[in-house]
Protein backbone atom coordinates (compact mmCIF):
# COMPACT_ATOMS: atom_id res chain seq x y z
CA UNK A 1 -4.34 1.42 -3.41
CA UNK A 2 -2.58 -2.29 -4.72
CA UNK A 3 -1.13 -4.33 -1.72
CA UNK A 4 2.35 -3.77 -3.16
CA UNK A 5 2.10 -0.09 -2.71
CA UNK A 6 1.78 -1.21 1.65
CA UNK A 7 4.62 -3.31 1.13
CA UNK A 8 6.29 -0.34 -0.06
CA UNK A 9 5.43 1.80 2.05
CA UNK A 10 5.88 -0.14 5.20
CA UNK A 11 8.73 -1.48 4.18
CA UNK A 12 7.63 -4.58 4.63
CA UNK A 13 8.42 -7.93 4.31
CA UNK A 14 5.85 -10.76 2.09
CA UNK A 15 5.28 -13.92 4.18
CA UNK A 16 2.74 -14.89 1.67
CA UNK A 17 0.12 -13.13 -1.12
CA UNK A 18 2.70 -12.50 -3.93
CA UNK A 19 0.06 -13.87 -6.83
CA UNK A 20 -1.89 -10.69 -4.81
CA UNK A 21 0.07 -7.78 -4.75
CA UNK A 22 -2.14 -5.42 -7.57
CA UNK A 23 -5.36 -6.42 -5.34
CA UNK A 24 -6.66 -3.11 -4.22
CA UNK A 25 -8.09 -1.88 -1.03
CA UNK A 26 -9.35 0.99 -0.02
CA UNK A 27 -9.28 0.79 3.63
CA UNK A 28 -7.47 -0.69 6.89
CA UNK A 29 -8.50 -1.56 10.44
CA UNK A 30 -5.53 -1.80 13.34
CA UNK A 31 -6.31 -4.29 16.72
CA UNK A 32 -5.41 -6.32 18.43
CA UNK A 33 -8.30 -7.62 20.09
CA UNK A 34 -9.84 -10.31 16.96
CA UNK A 35 -13.45 -9.22 18.81
CA UNK A 36 -13.05 -5.62 18.40
CA UNK A 37 -12.65 -6.86 14.62
CA UNK A 38 -15.45 -8.78 14.52
CA UNK A 39 -18.31 -6.55 16.12
CA UNK A 40 -16.81 -3.71 14.20
CA UNK A 41 -15.01 -3.66 11.30
CA UNK A 42 -17.13 -3.62 7.90
CA UNK A 43 -15.84 -3.83 4.31
CA UNK A 44 -12.02 -3.06 5.51
CA UNK A 45 -9.31 -4.84 2.97
CA UNK A 46 -6.44 -4.57 5.62
CA UNK A 47 -6.07 -5.65 9.07
CA UNK A 48 -3.39 -4.12 10.93
CA UNK A 49 -1.98 -6.63 14.43
CA UNK A 50 0.56 -7.25 16.47
CA UNK A 51 -0.78 -10.30 17.28
CA UNK A 52 1.11 -12.95 15.64
CA UNK A 53 -1.54 -16.76 16.38
CA UNK A 54 -3.98 -18.05 13.98
CA UNK A 55 -6.82 -16.53 14.88
CA UNK A 56 -5.83 -13.56 13.28
CA UNK A 57 -5.85 -14.94 9.82
CA UNK A 58 -9.21 -16.62 10.37
CA UNK A 59 -10.89 -13.50 11.87
CA UNK A 60 -9.60 -11.49 8.11
CA UNK A 61 -10.77 -14.50 6.35
CA UNK A 62 -14.39 -13.97 8.53
CA UNK A 63 -14.63 -11.22 7.44
CA UNK A 64 -13.20 -11.19 3.69
CA UNK A 65 -9.83 -9.20 4.69
CA UNK A 66 -7.38 -9.65 1.72
CA UNK A 67 -4.27 -8.09 3.43
CA UNK A 68 -2.85 -8.12 7.09
CA UNK A 69 -0.15 -6.50 8.58
CA UNK A 70 1.97 -7.95 11.07
CA UNK A 71 3.78 -4.82 13.00
CA UNK A 72 6.01 -4.11 15.40
CA UNK A 73 9.13 -6.48 14.18
CA UNK A 74 6.58 -9.93 15.16
CA UNK A 75 7.58 -12.80 12.87
CA UNK A 76 3.83 -15.01 11.88
CA UNK A 77 3.85 -18.05 13.15
CA UNK A 78 4.53 -21.14 10.29
CA UNK A 79 0.81 -22.00 11.63
CA UNK A 80 -0.49 -18.49 10.16
CA UNK A 81 1.33 -18.28 6.84
CA UNK A 82 -0.01 -21.54 6.29
CA UNK A 83 -3.24 -21.06 6.75
CA UNK A 84 -2.78 -17.38 5.10
CA UNK A 85 -2.28 -19.49 1.78
CA UNK A 86 -4.71 -21.65 1.92
CA UNK A 87 -6.87 -19.09 2.93
CA UNK A 88 -5.84 -16.89 -0.55
CA UNK A 89 -4.45 -13.63 2.59
CA UNK A 90 -1.50 -11.43 1.49
CA UNK A 91 0.24 -11.33 4.63
CA UNK A 92 3.37 -9.49 6.14
CA UNK A 93 5.59 -8.31 8.46
CA UNK A 94 6.61 -4.61 9.27
CA UNK A 95 8.94 -3.07 11.92
CA UNK A 96 6.99 -0.49 12.49
CA UNK A 97 4.71 0.28 15.12
CA UNK A 98 0.80 0.50 14.60
CA UNK A 99 0.33 3.55 14.79
CA UNK A 100 3.16 4.33 12.32
CA UNK A 101 1.84 2.26 9.78
CA UNK A 102 -1.85 3.09 10.30
CA UNK A 103 -0.31 7.24 9.73
CA UNK A 104 1.67 5.98 6.91
CA UNK A 105 -1.48 4.16 5.19
CA UNK A 106 -3.98 6.79 6.14
CA UNK A 107 -1.63 9.55 4.34
CA UNK A 108 -1.38 7.05 2.18
CA UNK A 109 -4.56 7.28 1.05
CA UNK A 110 -6.92 4.62 3.24
CA UNK A 111 -10.12 5.43 4.68
CA UNK A 112 -10.34 5.13 8.23
CA UNK A 113 -10.74 2.05 9.54
CA UNK A 114 -14.00 2.98 11.79
CA UNK A 115 -16.42 5.76 11.85
CA UNK A 116 -16.76 7.29 15.13
CA UNK A 117 -14.59 4.44 17.13
CA UNK A 118 -11.53 4.70 18.87
CA UNK A 119 -9.59 1.56 17.51
């Protein structure tokens, strides 16, 4: 799935990363706990979270994620947007809840985030 499809499916507002909209992703994870992302997530392209601080960007960057979706209508801070730009990460926001966003993306073809985990 291309990142531009995620924007469309989640009716999201792109905050940064327009140049990466044609990048392909095949899996996603959903968590507000960055420690869980660091401990359990492997080879995920998209992070879905309601957490709005720069640690989200740093965690995604460490895990080689290329797209972050901020859910529940929250707006990323200016610091987050700037850091995402610096890291080459697409950042978007959606009014959908995390559960709904995850389901929409799963139905759209993205794979489960944590095999055997209850994330």
